[in-house]
């Protein structure tokens, strides 16, 4: 289908943000949903996943568009490929691991405030977004700051 624009319409250009070797685009911000949800289209390389953690306020749904991922919730592993999804309820330990060199995941967060974490710990992409696999973990002080910020602002704890 061809994208036809009228005089009063501007082309919608995605706004990508770089995030730990990958990048994402916010599809629905918490502001657009009165805080009810947020949705991000996340593209991550293998090795850039978060450690196991618990959200006290948000549920997360992971829908795989490309690649393969294993999602672990409360110790139960679910292997996912394109077209499959998993649910990470608040209050339960969860994590995910990218099994292929890269994965593209739609992450839906309810309620949506946690999208602001992704914005806070990312940067706007200049030019075309790129995947750059991490060359090791972030510096210890960066991890400490992130863990403190996750706990104090977002009520999320690393396990």
C-alpha atoms as a PDB file:
ATOM      1  CA  UNK A   1       0.000   0.000   0.000  1.00  0.00           C
ATOM      2  CA  UNK A   2       1.359   3.401  -0.966  1.00  0.00           C
ATOM      3  CA  UNK A   3       1.587   6.163   1.620  1.00  0.00           C
ATOM      4  CA  UNK A   4      -0.303   9.121   0.136  1.00  0.00           C
ATOM      5  CA  UNK A   5      -0.045  12.491   1.826  1.00  0.00           C
ATOM      6  CA  UNK A   6      -2.267  15.513   1.503  1.00  0.00           C
ATOM      7  CA  UNK A   7      -1.002  19.088   1.669  1.00  0.00           C
ATOM      8  CA  UNK A   8      -1.693  19.326   5.397  1.00  0.00           C
ATOM      9  CA  UNK A   9      -0.043  16.024   6.388  1.00  0.00           C
ATOM     10  CA  UNK A  10       3.627  15.584   7.173  1.00  0.00           C
ATOM     11  CA  UNK A  11       5.472  12.305   6.784  1.00  0.00           C
ATOM     12  CA  UNK A  12       5.859  10.481  10.078  1.00  0.00           C
ATOM     13  CA  UNK A  13       9.560   9.921  10.677  1.00  0.00           C
ATOM     14  CA  UNK A  14      10.493   7.431  13.417  1.00  0.00           C
ATOM     15  CA  UNK A  15      12.491   8.846  16.313  1.00  0.00           C
ATOM     16  CA  UNK A  16      15.006   6.239  17.388  1.00  0.00           C
ATOM     17  CA  UNK A  17      16.982   6.240  20.624  1.00  0.00           C
ATOM     18  CA  UNK A  18      20.169   4.246  21.193  1.00  0.00           C
ATOM     19  CA  UNK A  19      20.058   1.849  24.118  1.00  0.00           C
ATOM     20  CA  UNK A  20      22.858  -0.490  25.276  1.00  0.00           C
ATOM     21  CA  UNK A  21      24.061  -1.602  21.864  1.00  0.00           C
ATOM     22  CA  UNK A  22      20.629  -1.499  20.283  1.00  0.00           C
ATOM     23  CA  UNK A  23      17.951   1.064  19.703  1.00  0.00           C
ATOM     24  CA  UNK A  24      14.246   1.592  20.138  1.00  0.00           C
ATOM     25  CA  UNK A  25      11.311   3.683  19.045  1.00  0.00           C
ATOM     26  CA  UNK A  26       8.460   4.633  21.363  1.00  0.00           C
ATOM     27  CA  UNK A  27       5.259   3.528  19.665  1.00  0.00           C
ATOM     28  CA  UNK A  28       2.879   4.672  22.417  1.00  0.00           C
ATOM     29  CA  UNK A  29       4.085   6.960  25.175  1.00  0.00           C
ATOM     30  CA  UNK A  30       2.513   7.031  28.635  1.00  0.00           C
ATOM     31  CA  UNK A  31       1.408  10.601  27.850  1.00  0.00           C
ATOM     32  CA  UNK A  32      -0.595   9.355  24.854  1.00  0.00           C
ATOM     33  CA  UNK A  33      -2.440   6.774  26.972  1.00  0.00           C
ATOM     34  CA  UNK A  34      -3.105   8.834  30.114  1.00  0.00           C
ATOM     35  CA  UNK A  35      -0.389   6.716  31.758  1.00  0.00           C
ATOM     36  CA  UNK A  36      -2.221   3.447  31.137  1.00  0.00           C
ATOM     37  CA  UNK A  37       0.438   1.873  28.925  1.00  0.00           C
ATOM     38  CA  UNK A  38       3.603   2.384  26.980  1.00  0.00           C
ATOM     39  CA  UNK A  39       4.855   0.467  23.971  1.00  0.00           C
ATOM     40  CA  UNK A  40       8.370   0.340  22.545  1.00  0.00           C
ATOM     41  CA  UNK A  41       9.794  -1.340  19.455  1.00  0.00           C
ATOM     42  CA  UNK A  42      13.177  -2.529  20.796  1.00  0.00           C
ATOM     43  CA  UNK A  43      16.026  -3.892  18.673  1.00  0.00           C
ATOM     44  CA  UNK A  44      18.758  -5.464  20.760  1.00  0.00           C
ATOM     45  CA  UNK A  45      21.913  -7.437  20.118  1.00  0.00           C
ATOM     46  CA  UNK A  46      22.694 -10.616  22.021  1.00  0.00           C
ATOM     47  CA  UNK A  47      24.396  -9.673  25.307  1.00  0.00           C
ATOM     48  CA  UNK A  48      22.568  -6.405  25.964  1.00  0.00           C
ATOM     49  CA  UNK A  49      19.714  -7.815  28.040  1.00  0.00           C
ATOM     50  CA  UNK A  50      18.881  -6.701  31.589  1.00  0.00           C
ATOM     51  CA  UNK A  51      19.631  -8.966  34.554  1.00  0.00           C
ATOM     52  CA  UNK A  52      16.735 -10.652  36.390  1.00  0.00           C
ATOM     53  CA  UNK A  53      14.554  -8.018  38.031  1.00  0.00           C
ATOM     54  CA  UNK A  54      11.171  -7.374  39.625  1.00  0.00           C
ATOM     55  CA  UNK A  55       8.756  -4.555  38.785  1.00  0.00           C
ATOM     56  CA  UNK A  56       6.514  -3.580  41.673  1.00  0.00           C
ATOM     57  CA  UNK A  57       4.105  -1.527  39.525  1.00  0.00           C
ATOM     58  CA  UNK A  58       4.268  -2.701  35.895  1.00  0.00           C
ATOM     59  CA  UNK A  59       3.371  -5.751  33.876  1.00  0.00           C
ATOM     60  CA  UNK A  60       5.445  -6.330  30.728  1.00  0.00           C
ATOM     61  CA  UNK A  61       4.428  -8.163  27.586  1.00  0.00           C
ATOM     62  CA  UNK A  62       7.127  -9.252  25.111  1.00  0.00           C
ATOM     63  CA  UNK A  63       6.083  -9.828  21.485  1.00  0.00           C
ATOM     64  CA  UNK A  64       8.842 -11.057  19.171  1.00  0.00           C
ATOM     65  CA  UNK A  65       9.011  -9.573  15.674  1.00  0.00           C
ATOM     66  CA  UNK A  66      12.441 -10.897  14.654  1.00  0.00           C
ATOM     67  CA  UNK A  67      14.991 -13.290  16.139  1.00  0.00           C
ATOM     68  CA  UNK A  68      14.638 -15.714  19.036  1.00  0.00           C
ATOM     69  CA  UNK A  69      14.397 -14.908  22.731  1.00  0.00           C
ATOM     70  CA  UNK A  70      13.946 -16.850  25.942  1.00  0.00           C
ATOM     71  CA  UNK A  71      11.812 -15.111  28.582  1.00  0.00           C
ATOM     72  CA  UNK A  72      12.106 -16.364  32.157  1.00  0.00           C
ATOM     73  CA  UNK A  73       9.308 -15.551  34.603  1.00  0.00           C
ATOM     74  CA  UNK A  74       9.444 -16.903  38.168  1.00  0.00           C
ATOM     75  CA  UNK A  75      11.957 -19.541  37.044  1.00  0.00           C
ATOM     76  CA  UNK A  76       9.885 -20.784  34.083  1.00  0.00           C
ATOM     77  CA  UNK A  77      11.551 -20.373  30.679  1.00  0.00           C
ATOM     78  CA  UNK A  78       9.563 -19.748  27.508  1.00  0.00           C
ATOM     79  CA  UNK A  79      11.373 -19.892  24.157  1.00  0.00           C
ATOM     80  CA  UNK A  80       9.945 -17.437  21.649  1.00  0.00           C
ATOM     81  CA  UNK A  81      10.397 -16.747  17.953  1.00  0.00           C
ATOM     82  CA  UNK A  82       8.747 -14.254  15.609  1.00  0.00           C
ATOM     83  CA  UNK A  83       5.005 -14.059  16.178  1.00  0.00           C
ATOM     84  CA  UNK A  84       5.106 -15.367  19.755  1.00  0.00           C
ATOM     85  CA  UNK A  85       4.661 -13.536  23.055  1.00  0.00           C
ATOM     86  CA  UNK A  86       5.190 -13.880  26.807  1.00  0.00           C
ATOM     87  CA  UNK A  87       3.832 -12.018  29.816  1.00  0.00           C
ATOM     88  CA  UNK A  88       5.882 -10.808  32.789  1.00  0.00           C
ATOM     89  CA  UNK A  89       3.507  -9.830  35.611  1.00  0.00           C
ATOM     90  CA  UNK A  90       4.462  -7.281  38.227  1.00  0.00           C
ATOM     91  CA  UNK A  91       5.824  -8.696  41.434  1.00  0.00           C
ATOM     92  CA  UNK A  92       7.482 -11.705  39.787  1.00  0.00           C
ATOM     93  CA  UNK A  93      11.156 -12.020  38.917  1.00  0.00           C
ATOM     94  CA  UNK A  94      11.700 -11.992  35.179  1.00  0.00           C
ATOM     95  CA  UNK A  95      14.362 -11.538  32.523  1.00  0.00           C
ATOM     96  CA  UNK A  96      14.896 -12.229  28.856  1.00  0.00           C
ATOM     97  CA  UNK A  97      17.841 -13.355  26.772  1.00  0.00           C
ATOM     98  CA  UNK A  98      18.391 -12.777  23.058  1.00  0.00           C
ATOM     99  CA  UNK A  99      19.395 -16.131  21.531  1.00  0.00           C
ATOM    100  CA  UNK A 100      20.118 -14.921  17.991  1.00  0.00           C
ATOM    101  CA  UNK A 101      22.660 -12.219  17.082  1.00  0.00           C
ATOM    102  CA  UNK A 102      19.815  -9.665  17.225  1.00  0.00           C
ATOM    103  CA  UNK A 103      16.138  -9.561  18.147  1.00  0.00           C
ATOM    104  CA  UNK A 104      13.311  -7.130  17.579  1.00  0.00           C
ATOM    105  CA  UNK A 105      10.793  -7.094  20.421  1.00  0.00           C
ATOM    106  CA  UNK A 106       7.647  -5.074  20.999  1.00  0.00           C
ATOM    107  CA  UNK A 107       7.507  -4.450  24.746  1.00  0.00           C
ATOM    108  CA  UNK A 108       4.167  -3.301  26.152  1.00  0.00           C
ATOM    109  CA  UNK A 109       4.309  -1.884  29.669  1.00  0.00           C
ATOM    110  CA  UNK A 110       1.197  -1.407  31.814  1.00  0.00           C
ATOM    111  CA  UNK A 111       0.909   1.110  33.332  1.00  0.00           C
ATOM    112  CA  UNK A 112       3.258   3.000  31.032  1.00  0.00           C
ATOM    113  CA  UNK A 113       5.545   5.128  33.218  1.00  0.00           C
ATOM    114  CA  UNK A 114       8.468   2.690  32.882  1.00  0.00           C
ATOM    115  CA  UNK A 115       8.895   3.845  29.261  1.00  0.00           C
ATOM    116  CA  UNK A 116      10.495   6.900  30.868  1.00  0.00           C
ATOM    117  CA  UNK A 117      13.314   4.662  32.154  1.00  0.00           C
ATOM    118  CA  UNK A 118      14.178   3.764  28.569  1.00  0.00           C
ATOM    119  CA  UNK A 119      14.143   7.445  27.632  1.00  0.00           C
ATOM    120  CA  UNK A 120      16.292   8.361  30.653  1.00  0.00           C
ATOM    121  CA  UNK A 121      18.970   5.742  29.921  1.00  0.00           C
ATOM    122  CA  UNK A 122      19.177   6.248  26.152  1.00  0.00           C
ATOM    123  CA  UNK A 123      20.184   8.932  23.679  1.00  0.00           C
ATOM    124  CA  UNK A 124      18.659  10.202  20.428  1.00  0.00           C
ATOM    125  CA  UNK A 125      20.056   8.516  17.316  1.00  0.00           C
ATOM    126  CA  UNK A 126      21.648  10.799  14.758  1.00  0.00           C
ATOM    127  CA  UNK A 127      21.270   9.329  11.269  1.00  0.00           C
ATOM    128  CA  UNK A 128      20.417   5.687  10.659  1.00  0.00           C
ATOM    129  CA  UNK A 129      20.133   3.543  13.810  1.00  0.00           C
ATOM    130  CA  UNK A 130      22.665   0.745  14.175  1.00  0.00           C
ATOM    131  CA  UNK A 131      23.156  -2.364  16.278  1.00  0.00           C
ATOM    132  CA  UNK A 132      26.517  -2.436  18.079  1.00  0.00           C
ATOM    133  CA  UNK A 133      26.948  -5.514  20.265  1.00  0.00           C
ATOM    134  CA  UNK A 134      28.303  -4.607  23.714  1.00  0.00           C
ATOM    135  CA  UNK A 135      31.995  -5.194  24.369  1.00  0.00           C
ATOM    136  CA  UNK A 136      31.440  -6.083  28.012  1.00  0.00           C
ATOM    137  CA  UNK A 137      29.288  -4.817  30.867  1.00  0.00           C
ATOM    138  CA  UNK A 138      28.864  -1.120  31.599  1.00  0.00           C
ATOM    139  CA  UNK A 139      31.261   0.366  34.185  1.00  0.00           C
ATOM    140  CA  UNK A 140      30.454  -0.526  37.821  1.00  0.00           C
ATOM    141  CA  UNK A 141      29.516   3.067  38.691  1.00  0.00           C
ATOM    142  CA  UNK A 142      27.029   3.177  35.795  1.00  0.00           C
ATOM    143  CA  UNK A 143      25.426  -0.071  36.993  1.00  0.00           C
ATOM    144  CA  UNK A 144      25.239   1.253  40.563  1.00  0.00           C
ATOM    145  CA  UNK A 145      23.609   4.495  39.403  1.00  0.00           C
ATOM    146  CA  UNK A 146      21.117   2.618  37.226  1.00  0.00           C
ATOM    147  CA  UNK A 147      20.228   0.187  40.024  1.00  0.00           C
ATOM    148  CA  UNK A 148      19.699   3.067  42.459  1.00  0.00           C
ATOM    149  CA  UNK A 149      17.594   4.984  39.949  1.00  0.00           C
ATOM    150  CA  UNK A 150      15.541   1.912  39.097  1.00  0.00           C
ATOM    151  CA  UNK A 151      14.760   1.368  42.767  1.00  0.00           C
ATOM    152  CA  UNK A 152      14.112   4.994  43.787  1.00  0.00           C
ATOM    153  CA  UNK A 153      12.224   6.265  40.722  1.00  0.00           C
ATOM    154  CA  UNK A 154      10.756   3.180  39.038  1.00  0.00           C
ATOM    155  CA  UNK A 155      10.308   0.672  41.895  1.00  0.00           C
ATOM    156  CA  UNK A 156      12.274  -1.998  40.047  1.00  0.00           C
ATOM    157  CA  UNK A 157      14.875  -4.150  41.769  1.00  0.00           C
ATOM    158  CA  UNK A 158      17.643  -6.307  40.335  1.00  0.00           C
ATOM    159  CA  UNK A 159      17.549  -9.802  41.817  1.00  0.00           C
END
